[in-house]
C-alpha atoms as a PDB file:
ATOM      1  CA  MET A   1     -43.829  61.882 -38.150  1.00  0.00           C
ATOM      2  CA  VAL A   2     -43.843  62.760 -41.856  1.00  0.00           C
ATOM      3  CA  ASN A   3     -44.207  60.179 -44.621  1.00  0.00           C
ATOM      4  CA  PRO A   4     -41.097  60.690 -46.825  1.00  0.00           C
ATOM      5  CA  THR A   5     -43.023  59.611 -49.940  1.00  0.00           C
ATOM      6  CA  THR A   6     -46.248  61.630 -49.614  1.00  0.00           C
ATOM      7  CA  CYS A   7     -44.943  64.328 -47.197  1.00  0.00           C
ATOM      8  CA  ALA A   8     -48.140  63.818 -45.198  1.00  0.00           C
ATOM      9  CA  ASP A   9     -48.295  63.666 -41.427  1.00  0.00           C
ATOM     10  CA  THR A  10     -48.730  60.197 -39.996  1.00  0.00           C
ATOM     11  CA  HIS A  11     -49.138  58.863 -36.493  1.00  0.00           C
ATOM     12  CA  LYS A  12     -47.596  55.500 -37.301  1.00  0.00           C
ATOM     13  CA  LYS A  13     -45.227  54.231 -34.629  1.00  0.00           C
ATOM     14  CA  VAL A  14     -42.104  52.239 -35.370  1.00  0.00           C
ATOM     15  CA  SER A  15     -39.948  50.086 -33.153  1.00  0.00           C
ATOM     16  CA  ALA A  16     -36.367  50.946 -32.253  1.00  0.00           C
ATOM     17  CA  ARG A  17     -35.164  48.204 -34.578  1.00  0.00           C
ATOM     18  CA  ASN A  18     -37.136  49.615 -37.526  1.00  0.00           C
ATOM     19  CA  TYR A  19     -35.812  53.125 -36.851  1.00  0.00           C
ATOM     20  CA  TYR A  20     -32.137  52.179 -36.705  1.00  0.00           C
ATOM     21  CA  GLU A  21     -32.565  49.803 -39.616  1.00  0.00           C
ATOM     22  CA  TYR A  22     -33.739  52.817 -41.633  1.00  0.00           C
ATOM     23  CA  ARG A  23     -30.888  55.037 -40.371  1.00  0.00           C
ATOM     24  CA  LEU A  24     -28.156  52.504 -41.181  1.00  0.00           C
ATOM     25  CA  MET A  25     -29.438  51.414 -44.590  1.00  0.00           C
ATOM     26  CA  ILE A  26     -27.275  52.108 -47.658  1.00  0.00           C
ATOM     27  CA  ARG A  27     -29.202  54.116 -50.289  1.00  0.00           C
ATOM     28  CA  GLU A  28     -28.174  54.967 -53.813  1.00  0.00           C
ATOM     29  CA  GLY A  29     -27.490  58.673 -54.256  1.00  0.00           C
ATOM     30  CA  GLU A  30     -27.361  59.379 -50.509  1.00  0.00           C
ATOM     31  CA  VAL A  31     -24.363  59.808 -48.218  1.00  0.00           C
ATOM     32  CA  ASN A  32     -24.659  58.128 -44.846  1.00  0.00           C
ATOM     33  CA  HIS A  33     -21.931  59.627 -42.681  1.00  0.00           C
ATOM     34  CA  ILE A  34     -22.506  57.083 -39.924  1.00  0.00           C
ATOM     35  CA  LEU A  35     -21.158  54.335 -42.186  1.00  0.00           C
ATOM     36  CA  MET A  36     -17.928  56.265 -42.745  1.00  0.00           C
ATOM     37  CA  CYS A  37     -16.826  56.316 -39.121  1.00  0.00           C
ATOM     38  CA  GLN A  38     -15.003  52.976 -39.279  1.00  0.00           C
ATOM     39  CA  ARG A  39     -14.338  51.644 -35.753  1.00  0.00           C
ATOM     40  CA  LEU A  40     -16.600  54.294 -34.231  1.00  0.00           C
ATOM     41  CA  PHE A  41     -19.411  52.930 -36.408  1.00  0.00           C
ATOM     42  CA  HIS A  42     -18.768  49.444 -35.004  1.00  0.00           C
ATOM     43  CA  GLN A  43     -19.135  50.798 -31.467  1.00  0.00           C
ATOM     44  CA  TYR A  44     -22.233  52.731 -32.479  1.00  0.00           C
ATOM     45  CA  ALA A  45     -23.846  49.582 -33.900  1.00  0.00           C
ATOM     46  CA  VAL A  46     -23.201  47.589 -30.719  1.00  0.00           C
ATOM     47  CA  ASP A  47     -24.418  50.391 -28.425  1.00  0.00           C
ATOM     48  CA  THR A  48     -27.497  50.908 -30.576  1.00  0.00           C
ATOM     49  CA  TYR A  49     -28.497  47.275 -30.427  1.00  0.00           C
ATOM     50  CA  ILE A  50     -27.749  46.720 -26.742  1.00  0.00           C
ATOM     51  CA  ARG A  51     -28.984  50.018 -25.267  1.00  0.00           C
ATOM     52  CA  GLN A  52     -31.950  50.640 -27.526  1.00  0.00           C
ATOM     53  CA  ILE A  53     -33.240  47.569 -29.347  1.00  0.00           C
ATOM     54  CA  GLU A  54     -32.472  44.740 -26.933  1.00  0.00           C
ATOM     55  CA  THR A  55     -33.113  46.844 -23.835  1.00  0.00           C
ATOM     56  CA  GLU A  56     -36.536  47.731 -25.238  1.00  0.00           C
ATOM     57  CA  ARG A  57     -37.374  44.053 -25.697  1.00  0.00           C
ATOM     58  CA  LEU A  58     -36.066  42.981 -22.298  1.00  0.00           C
ATOM     59  CA  THR A  59     -37.848  45.860 -20.564  1.00  0.00           C
ATOM     60  CA  TYR A  60     -41.095  44.772 -22.193  1.00  0.00           C
ATOM     61  CA  ILE A  61     -40.544  41.209 -20.977  1.00  0.00           C
ATOM     62  CA  ARG A  62     -39.706  42.411 -17.468  1.00  0.00           C
ATOM     63  CA  LEU A  63     -42.647  44.823 -17.123  1.00  0.00           C
ATOM     64  CA  ASN A  64     -45.278  42.508 -18.585  1.00  0.00           C
ATOM     65  CA  GLN A  65     -44.762  39.517 -16.348  1.00  0.00           C
ATOM     66  CA  GLN A  66     -47.256  40.836 -13.761  1.00  0.00           C
ATOM     67  CA  GLN A  67     -45.544  38.864 -11.001  1.00  0.00           C
ATOM     68  CA  LEU A  68     -45.955  35.707 -13.076  1.00  0.00           C
ATOM     69  CA  ARG A  69     -43.918  32.682 -12.180  1.00  0.00           C
ATOM     70  CA  SER A  70     -43.248  29.712 -14.380  1.00  0.00           C
ATOM     71  CA  GLU A  71     -42.979  26.032 -13.591  1.00  0.00           C
ATOM     72  CA  GLU A  72     -43.936  22.681 -15.055  1.00  0.00           C
ATOM     73  CA  ASP A  73     -47.436  21.622 -14.014  1.00  0.00           C
ATOM     74  CA  ILE A  74     -46.272  18.451 -12.314  1.00  0.00           C
ATOM     75  CA  HIS A  75     -43.862  20.443 -10.110  1.00  0.00           C
ATOM     76  CA  LEU A  76     -46.527  23.008  -9.321  1.00  0.00           C
ATOM     77  CA  ARG A  77     -48.747  20.225  -7.992  1.00  0.00           C
ATOM     78  CA  ASP A  78     -45.915  18.974  -5.801  1.00  0.00           C
ATOM     79  CA  ALA A  79     -45.670  22.377  -4.120  1.00  0.00           C
ATOM     80  CA  ASP A  80     -48.931  21.734  -2.181  1.00  0.00           C
ATOM     81  CA  GLY A  81     -49.968  25.354  -2.479  1.00  0.00           C
ATOM     82  CA  ASN A  82     -46.680  26.818  -1.188  1.00  0.00           C
ATOM     83  CA  VAL A  83     -45.927  28.920  -4.252  1.00  0.00           C
ATOM     84  CA  ASN A  84     -43.208  30.938  -2.530  1.00  0.00           C
ATOM     85  CA  ASN A  85     -40.755  28.140  -3.236  1.00  0.00           C
ATOM     86  CA  VAL A  86     -41.752  27.459  -6.822  1.00  0.00           C
ATOM     87  CA  GLY A  87     -40.930  29.139 -10.106  1.00  0.00           C
ATOM     88  CA  ARG A  88     -38.946  32.214 -11.111  1.00  0.00           C
ATOM     89  CA  MET A  89     -39.968  35.804 -10.425  1.00  0.00           C
ATOM     90  CA  THR A  90     -38.527  37.102 -13.713  1.00  0.00           C
ATOM     91  CA  ILE A  91     -38.358  34.617 -16.562  1.00  0.00           C
ATOM     92  CA  LEU A  92     -36.791  34.965 -20.003  1.00  0.00           C
ATOM     93  CA  PRO A  93     -39.032  33.056 -22.465  1.00  0.00           C
ATOM     94  CA  ALA A  94     -37.572  30.255 -24.554  1.00  0.00           C
ATOM     95  CA  THR A  95     -38.518  32.225 -27.684  1.00  0.00           C
ATOM     96  CA  TYR A  96     -35.826  34.804 -26.834  1.00  0.00           C
ATOM     97  CA  ILE A  97     -32.370  34.071 -28.220  1.00  0.00           C
ATOM     98  CA  GLY A  98     -29.985  33.399 -25.337  1.00  0.00           C
ATOM     99  CA  SER A  99     -32.686  32.257 -22.940  1.00  0.00           C
ATOM    100  CA  PRO A 100     -31.601  29.451 -20.574  1.00  0.00           C
ATOM    101  CA  ARG A 101     -34.854  27.695 -21.544  1.00  0.00           C
ATOM    102  CA  LYS A 102     -33.872  27.449 -25.221  1.00  0.00           C
ATOM    103  CA  CYS A 103     -32.504  24.124 -26.391  1.00  0.00           C
ATOM    104  CA  SER A 104     -29.525  24.931 -28.647  1.00  0.00           C
ATOM    105  CA  LYS A 105     -27.109  21.983 -28.693  1.00  0.00           C
ATOM    106  CA  ARG A 106     -29.440  19.713 -30.699  1.00  0.00           C
ATOM    107  CA  TYR A 107     -28.762  16.589 -28.661  1.00  0.00           C
ATOM    108  CA  PRO A 108     -29.628  13.790 -28.842  1.00  0.00           C
ATOM    109  CA  ARG A 109     -28.905  13.654 -32.599  1.00  0.00           C
ATOM    110  CA  ASN A 110     -30.612  11.296 -35.022  1.00  0.00           C
ATOM    111  CA  LEU A 111     -29.091   7.929 -35.874  1.00  0.00           C
ATOM    112  CA  VAL A 112     -27.859   7.811 -39.489  1.00  0.00           C
ATOM    113  CA  ALA A 113     -26.200   5.000 -41.423  1.00  0.00           C
ATOM    114  CA  LYS A 114     -23.620   7.217 -43.157  1.00  0.00           C
ATOM    115  CA  THR A 115     -22.256  10.753 -42.989  1.00  0.00           C
ATOM    116  CA  ILE A 116     -24.212  13.287 -45.042  1.00  0.00           C
ATOM    117  CA  SER A 117     -24.351  17.077 -45.318  1.00  0.00           C
ATOM    118  CA  GLY A 118     -27.230  18.811 -43.528  1.00  0.00           C
ATOM    119  CA  ILE A 119     -29.319  21.629 -44.977  1.00  0.00           C
ATOM    120  CA  ASP A 120     -27.764  24.141 -42.540  1.00  0.00           C
ATOM    121  CA  GLY A 121     -24.181  23.367 -43.574  1.00  0.00           C
ATOM    122  CA  TYR A 122     -23.432  21.167 -40.565  1.00  0.00           C
ATOM    123  CA  PRO A 123     -22.538  17.547 -41.266  1.00  0.00           C
ATOM    124  CA  LEU A 124     -24.729  14.723 -40.047  1.00  0.00           C
ATOM    125  CA  TYR A 125     -22.035  12.294 -38.949  1.00  0.00           C
ATOM    126  CA  ARG A 126     -22.593   8.580 -39.031  1.00  0.00           C
ATOM    127  CA  ARG A 127     -24.264   7.445 -35.832  1.00  0.00           C
ATOM    128  CA  ARG A 128     -25.025   3.761 -36.007  1.00  0.00           C
ATOM    129  CA  SER A 129     -27.747   2.123 -33.994  1.00  0.00           C
ATOM    130  CA  VAL A 130     -27.068  -0.983 -31.933  1.00  0.00           C
ATOM    131  CA  GLU A 131     -28.758  -3.077 -34.632  1.00  0.00           C
ATOM    132  CA  ASP A 132     -26.410  -1.550 -37.222  1.00  0.00           C
ATOM    133  CA  GLY A 133     -23.232  -2.288 -35.275  1.00  0.00           C
ATOM    134  CA  GLY A 134     -23.200   0.752 -32.972  1.00  0.00           C
ATOM    135  CA  ARG A 135     -22.394   0.658 -29.260  1.00  0.00           C
ATOM    136  CA  SER A 136     -24.379   1.664 -26.205  1.00  0.00           C
ATOM    137  CA  VAL A 137     -23.752   1.751 -22.476  1.00  0.00           C
ATOM    138  CA  ASP A 138     -25.788   2.145 -19.284  1.00  0.00           C
ATOM    139  CA  VAL A 139     -24.429   4.765 -16.880  1.00  0.00           C
ATOM    140  CA  LYS A 140     -25.532   6.086 -13.503  1.00  0.00           C
ATOM    141  CA  ILE A 141     -25.630   9.865 -12.999  1.00  0.00           C
ATOM    142  CA  LYS A 142     -26.718  11.348  -9.668  1.00  0.00           C
ATOM    143  CA  GLY A 143     -28.339   8.088  -8.691  1.00  0.00           C
ATOM    144  CA  GLN A 144     -30.335   7.717 -11.929  1.00  0.00           C
ATOM    145  CA  ASP A 145     -29.748   5.172 -14.686  1.00  0.00           C
ATOM    146  CA  PHE A 146     -29.287   6.446 -18.263  1.00  0.00           C
ATOM    147  CA  HIS A 147     -28.975   4.543 -21.520  1.00  0.00           C
ATOM    148  CA  VAL A 148     -26.401   6.257 -23.756  1.00  0.00           C
ATOM    149  CA  ASP A 149     -25.882   5.376 -27.415  1.00  0.00           C
ATOM    150  CA  LYS A 150     -24.313   7.067 -30.437  1.00  0.00           C
ATOM    151  CA  ARG A 151     -26.966   9.809 -30.450  1.00  0.00           C
ATOM    152  CA  TRP A 152     -25.242  11.447 -27.453  1.00  0.00           C
ATOM    153  CA  ILE A 153     -21.643  11.335 -28.713  1.00  0.00           C
ATOM    154  CA  VAL A 154     -20.073  14.771 -29.384  1.00  0.00           C
ATOM    155  CA  PRO A 155     -17.644  14.782 -32.390  1.00  0.00           C
ATOM    156  CA  PHE A 156     -14.069  15.332 -31.226  1.00  0.00           C
ATOM    157  CA  SER A 157     -10.439  15.037 -32.290  1.00  0.00           C
ATOM    158  CA  PRO A 158      -8.313  12.742 -30.061  1.00  0.00           C
ATOM    159  CA  ILE A 159      -5.174  14.705 -30.981  1.00  0.00           C
ATOM    160  CA  LEU A 160      -6.648  18.062 -29.940  1.00  0.00           C
ATOM    161  CA  SER A 161      -8.165  16.641 -26.767  1.00  0.00           C
ATOM    162  CA  LYS A 162      -4.794  15.151 -25.759  1.00  0.00           C
ATOM    163  CA  THR A 163      -2.804  18.264 -26.721  1.00  0.00           C
ATOM    164  CA  PHE A 164      -4.968  20.780 -24.851  1.00  0.00           C
ATOM    165  CA  GLU A 165      -6.227  18.364 -22.173  1.00  0.00           C
ATOM    166  CA  ALA A 166      -9.803  19.489 -22.721  1.00  0.00           C
ATOM    167  CA  HIS A 167     -13.054  18.428 -24.347  1.00  0.00           C
ATOM    168  CA  ILE A 168     -13.117  20.092 -27.789  1.00  0.00           C
ATOM    169  CA  ASN A 169     -16.061  19.771 -30.154  1.00  0.00           C
ATOM    170  CA  VAL A 170     -14.747  19.436 -33.735  1.00  0.00           C
ATOM    171  CA  GLU A 171     -17.073  19.566 -36.754  1.00  0.00           C
ATOM    172  CA  PHE A 172     -16.594  20.410 -40.426  1.00  0.00           C
ATOM    173  CA  TRP A 173     -18.862  23.256 -41.514  1.00  0.00           C
ATOM    174  CA  ASN A 174     -19.483  24.789 -44.947  1.00  0.00           C
ATOM    175  CA  SER A 175     -21.924  27.691 -45.060  1.00  0.00           C
ATOM    176  CA  VAL A 176     -22.005  31.428 -45.722  1.00  0.00           C
ATOM    177  CA  LYS A 177     -22.963  31.822 -42.060  1.00  0.00           C
ATOM    178  CA  SER A 178     -19.391  30.842 -41.174  1.00  0.00           C
ATOM    179  CA  ILE A 179     -18.274  34.391 -42.087  1.00  0.00           C
ATOM    180  CA  LYS A 180     -20.376  35.819 -39.271  1.00  0.00           C
ATOM    181  CA  TYR A 181     -19.158  33.068 -36.950  1.00  0.00           C
ATOM    182  CA  ILE A 182     -15.485  33.743 -37.719  1.00  0.00           C
ATOM    183  CA  CYS A 183     -15.795  37.542 -37.461  1.00  0.00           C
ATOM    184  CA  LYS A 184     -17.455  37.274 -34.083  1.00  0.00           C
ATOM    185  CA  TYR A 185     -14.574  35.299 -32.594  1.00  0.00           C
ATOM    186  CA  VAL A 186     -11.891  37.457 -34.232  1.00  0.00           C
ATOM    187  CA  LYS A 187     -13.378  40.613 -32.724  1.00  0.00           C
ATOM    188  CA  LYS A 188     -14.579  39.249 -29.398  1.00  0.00           C
ATOM    189  CA  GLY A 189     -13.097  40.546 -26.175  1.00  0.00           C
ATOM    190  CA  SER A 190     -12.111  38.768 -22.997  1.00  0.00           C
ATOM    191  CA  ASP A 191     -14.151  35.858 -21.736  1.00  0.00           C
ATOM    192  CA  MET A 192     -16.860  36.693 -19.221  1.00  0.00           C
ATOM    193  CA  ALA A 193     -18.570  34.728 -16.497  1.00  0.00           C
ATOM    194  CA  ILE A 194     -21.291  35.474 -13.998  1.00  0.00           C
ATOM    195  CA  PHE A 195     -21.819  33.873 -10.608  1.00  0.00           C
ATOM    196  CA  ALA A 196     -23.704  34.657  -7.442  1.00  0.00           C
ATOM    197  CA  VAL A 197     -23.889  33.272  -3.921  1.00  0.00           C
ATOM    198  CA  THR A 198     -27.695  33.599  -3.911  1.00  0.00           C
ATOM    199  CA  ASN A 199     -30.413  32.861  -6.434  1.00  0.00           C
ATOM    200  CA  THR A 200     -31.892  36.145  -7.668  1.00  0.00           C
ATOM    201  CA  ASN A 201     -34.640  34.422  -9.687  1.00  0.00           C
ATOM    202  CA  ASP A 202     -34.024  36.920 -12.475  1.00  0.00           C
ATOM    203  CA  GLU A 203     -33.223  35.302 -15.824  1.00  0.00           C
ATOM    204  CA  VAL A 204     -33.279  38.650 -17.637  1.00  0.00           C
ATOM    205  CA  SER A 205     -30.490  40.117 -15.483  1.00  0.00           C
ATOM    206  CA  ASP A 206     -28.475  36.901 -15.723  1.00  0.00           C
ATOM    207  CA  TYR A 207     -28.706  37.068 -19.507  1.00  0.00           C
ATOM    208  CA  GLN A 208     -27.688  40.745 -19.651  1.00  0.00           C
ATOM    209  CA  MET A 209     -24.674  40.231 -17.394  1.00  0.00           C
ATOM    210  CA  GLY A 210     -23.305  37.208 -19.247  1.00  0.00           C
ATOM    211  CA  ARG A 211     -23.986  38.061 -22.908  1.00  0.00           C
ATOM    212  CA  TYR A 212     -21.487  39.132 -25.572  1.00  0.00           C
ATOM    213  CA  VAL A 213     -22.414  41.049 -28.741  1.00  0.00           C
ATOM    214  CA  SER A 214     -19.896  41.908 -31.476  1.00  0.00           C
ATOM    215  CA  SER A 215     -20.402  44.595 -34.119  1.00  0.00           C
ATOM    216  CA  ASN A 216     -21.059  41.929 -36.758  1.00  0.00           C
ATOM    217  CA  GLU A 217     -23.766  40.313 -34.687  1.00  0.00           C
ATOM    218  CA  ALA A 218     -25.293  43.699 -33.805  1.00  0.00           C
ATOM    219  CA  ILE A 219     -25.700  44.610 -37.484  1.00  0.00           C
ATOM    220  CA  TRP A 220     -27.026  41.134 -38.258  1.00  0.00           C
ATOM    221  CA  ARG A 221     -29.649  41.366 -35.522  1.00  0.00           C
ATOM    222  CA  ILE A 222     -30.704  44.866 -36.573  1.00  0.00           C
ATOM    223  CA  PHE A 223     -31.245  43.995 -40.245  1.00  0.00           C
ATOM    224  CA  VAL A 224     -32.120  40.289 -40.226  1.00  0.00           C
ATOM    225  CA  ALA A 225     -34.613  38.225 -38.268  1.00  0.00           C
ATOM    226  CA  ILE A 226     -32.289  35.452 -37.098  1.00  0.00           C
ATOM    227  CA  HIS A 227     -34.584  33.590 -34.731  1.00  0.00           C
ATOM    228  CA  GLU A 228     -35.520  30.042 -35.597  1.00  0.00           C
ATOM    229  CA  ARG A 229     -36.251  26.875 -33.690  1.00  0.00           C
ATOM    230  CA  HIS A 230     -35.780  23.433 -35.201  1.00  0.00           C
ATOM    231  CA  PRO A 231     -36.772  20.768 -34.572  1.00  0.00           C
ATOM    232  CA  THR A 232     -39.934  21.573 -32.647  1.00  0.00           C
ATOM    233  CA  VAL A 233     -39.604  20.561 -28.984  1.00  0.00           C
ATOM    234  CA  PHE A 234     -42.563  18.889 -27.296  1.00  0.00           C
ATOM    235  CA  HIS A 235     -43.120  18.338 -23.603  1.00  0.00           C
ATOM    236  CA  LEU A 236     -43.860  15.160 -21.707  1.00  0.00           C
ATOM    237  CA  GLU A 237     -47.193  14.507 -19.997  1.00  0.00           C
ATOM    238  CA  ASN A 238     -47.793  17.164 -17.306  1.00  0.00           C
ATOM    239  CA  GLY A 239     -44.492  18.727 -18.363  1.00  0.00           C
ATOM    240  CA  GLN A 240     -45.954  21.741 -20.169  1.00  0.00           C
ATOM    241  CA  ARG A 241     -44.909  25.090 -18.767  1.00  0.00           C
ATOM    242  CA  GLY A 242     -47.615  27.025 -16.961  1.00  0.00           C
ATOM    243  CA  TYR A 243     -47.740  30.624 -15.760  1.00  0.00           C
ATOM    244  CA  PHE A 244     -49.270  31.558 -12.437  1.00  0.00           C
ATOM    245  CA  ASN A 245     -49.321  34.142  -9.681  1.00  0.00           C
ATOM    246  CA  LEU A 246     -50.004  34.068  -5.952  1.00  0.00           C
ATOM    247  CA  ASN A 247     -53.762  34.233  -6.469  1.00  0.00           C
ATOM    248  CA  ASN A 248     -54.320  31.468  -9.021  1.00  0.00           C
ATOM    249  CA  ALA A 249     -51.495  29.021  -8.245  1.00  0.00           C
ATOM    250  CA  VAL A 250     -53.742  26.449  -6.531  1.00  0.00           C
ATOM    251  CA  ASP A 251     -56.320  26.536  -9.337  1.00  0.00           C
ATOM    252  CA  ARG A 252     -53.638  26.229 -12.014  1.00  0.00           C
ATOM    253  CA  ALA A 253     -52.144  23.219 -10.218  1.00  0.00           C
ATOM    254  CA  ALA A 254     -55.539  21.495  -9.952  1.00  0.00           C
ATOM    255  CA  CYS A 255     -56.740  22.370 -13.471  1.00  0.00           C
ATOM    256  CA  PRO A 256     -53.851  23.246 -15.821  1.00  0.00           C
ATOM    257  CA  PRO A 257     -54.927  25.286 -18.878  1.00  0.00           C
ATOM    258  CA  VAL A 258     -55.454  23.395 -22.114  1.00  0.00           C
ATOM    259  CA  THR A 259     -52.655  23.959 -24.634  1.00  0.00           C
ATOM    260  CA  THR A 260     -52.807  23.510 -28.405  1.00  0.00           C
ATOM    261  CA  LEU A 261     -50.756  20.338 -28.064  1.00  0.00           C
ATOM    262  CA  LYS A 262     -53.275  18.949 -25.573  1.00  0.00           C
ATOM    263  CA  GLY A 263     -56.038  19.902 -27.996  1.00  0.00           C
ATOM    264  CA  PHE A 264     -54.278  18.007 -30.774  1.00  0.00           C
ATOM    265  CA  LEU A 265     -53.960  14.892 -28.613  1.00  0.00           C
ATOM    266  CA  SER A 266     -57.616  15.144 -27.597  1.00  0.00           C
ATOM    267  CA  ILE A 267     -58.947  15.394 -31.142  1.00  0.00           C
ATOM    268  CA  CYS A 268     -56.821  12.409 -32.172  1.00  0.00           C
ATOM    269  CA  GLU A 269     -58.804  10.307 -29.684  1.00  0.00           C
ATOM    270  CA  THR A 270     -62.093  10.953 -31.505  1.00  0.00           C
ATOM    271  CA  ASP A 271     -61.190  12.061 -35.045  1.00  0.00           C
ATOM    272  CA  GLN A 272     -59.900   9.353 -37.389  1.00  0.00           C
ATOM    273  CA  PHE A 273     -58.598  11.861 -39.944  1.00  0.00           C
ATOM    274  CA  ALA A 274     -56.633  13.811 -37.297  1.00  0.00           C
ATOM    275  CA  ARG A 275     -54.734  10.639 -36.450  1.00  0.00           C
ATOM    276  CA  THR A 276     -53.233  10.650 -39.949  1.00  0.00           C
ATOM    277  CA  LEU A 277     -51.748  14.146 -39.453  1.00  0.00           C
ATOM    278  CA  LEU A 278     -48.652  15.442 -37.761  1.00  0.00           C
ATOM    279  CA  TYR A 279     -48.941  18.227 -35.202  1.00  0.00           C
ATOM    280  CA  ALA A 280     -47.508  20.764 -37.667  1.00  0.00           C
ATOM    281  CA  ASP A 281     -50.169  19.850 -40.264  1.00  0.00           C
ATOM    282  CA  ILE A 282     -53.165  20.497 -37.996  1.00  0.00           C
ATOM    283  CA  PRO A 283     -53.580  24.243 -38.843  1.00  0.00           C
ATOM    284  CA  ARG A 284     -54.157  23.298 -42.495  1.00  0.00           C
ATOM    285  CA  TYR A 285     -57.364  21.421 -41.700  1.00  0.00           C
ATOM    286  CA  TYR A 286     -58.372  22.682 -38.250  1.00  0.00           C
ATOM    287  CA  THR A 287     -58.585  25.973 -36.386  1.00  0.00           C
ATOM    288  CA  TRP A 288     -57.976  26.559 -32.690  1.00  0.00           C
ATOM    289  CA  SER A 289     -60.996  27.825 -30.763  1.00  0.00           C
ATOM    290  CA  ALA A 290     -59.816  30.068 -27.938  1.00  0.00           C
ATOM    291  CA  SER A 291     -63.235  29.922 -26.242  1.00  0.00           C
ATOM    292  CA  SER A 292     -63.708  26.155 -26.171  1.00  0.00           C
ATOM    293  CA  LYS A 293     -59.947  25.365 -26.082  1.00  0.00           C
ATOM    294  CA  SER A 294     -60.319  22.741 -28.792  1.00  0.00           C
ATOM    295  CA  CYS A 295     -59.532  22.099 -32.463  1.00  0.00           C
ATOM    296  CA  GLN A 296     -62.402  22.773 -34.877  1.00  0.00           C
ATOM    297  CA  CYS A 297     -62.684  21.616 -38.493  1.00  0.00           C
ATOM    298  CA  ARG A 298     -62.224  24.356 -41.062  1.00  0.00           C
ATOM    299  CA  LYS A 299     -65.509  25.315 -42.714  1.00  0.00           C
ATOM    300  CA  GLN A 300     -63.964  26.507 -45.989  1.00  0.00           C
ATOM    301  CA  GLY A 301     -61.860  24.568 -48.441  1.00  0.00           C
ATOM    302  CA  THR A 302     -62.041  21.486 -50.647  1.00  0.00           C
ATOM    303  CA  PRO A 303     -63.696  18.445 -48.996  1.00  0.00           C
ATOM    304  CA  LEU A 304     -61.423  15.433 -48.515  1.00  0.00           C
ATOM    305  CA  GLU A 305     -62.440  12.194 -50.200  1.00  0.00           C
ATOM    306  CA  GLY A 306     -63.266   9.454 -47.731  1.00  0.00           C
ATOM    307  CA  TYR A 307     -63.837  11.770 -44.756  1.00  0.00           C
ATOM    308  CA  GLU A 308     -67.145  13.415 -43.989  1.00  0.00           C
ATOM    309  CA  ASN A 309     -67.180  17.127 -43.099  1.00  0.00           C
ATOM    310  CA  LYS A 310     -63.437  17.417 -43.848  1.00  0.00           C
END
């Protein structure tokens, strides 16, 4: 590879996304014939993203699992050593957009006294608590009791629900991102669905078979890092996700590895200053020791008044 600025040879490697991002970029004084192909360019963008960029990422995920399976620690303990019936052979991490492990519907919502506009353009509709005049109900689902209040109500239009005889989520939205949202649905093809009579334990294949990517989304994913996760999702006790194989499943069930969240909870038991911090603030004052699996006070910085060695 030759550096276009210095004309010197370089052995630097680039990802497929970086390469096609460079090829599709508009530059002053240069003619990019790919951008002049109209509908053929749209097809090229989709094929480029799906066959090159996304396939590269999914192949990496598939080939680097090393027969790992994933399950919550408490369920792994319940397996009594029979790991053949636990976990998935090929998992798609929650950090990957479209993963079945990713929480995307943002429910339950927060209770608010009045309707306000959120920072992402979505409205935060009024959801009153029981103390503020809101309603709640206890329901039974699959033999389990659930307490449902306004946090679980999906905004809807009674007229639309009655007209189309369906559950329709209706929300007012004002954001520049709506352009991408509208273009995707204008250009989308027929609806798709995937089903199987057996469980293949392959989340990557399930994702590839059921996905839809428009030309607008392909270009957006090539040029812009669109991944984000908010709010941060924490697990319950013994509900953290662990990775194991046939050789270490019993050991992992007996002694689950210490996570950073567990380290934060542990230091809060002995460190008075740590108790005043939120989980997201810990890296500012502490570092994570990979060897001891614990949070250590930072050695550099301005000491805090009222706390020794902080």
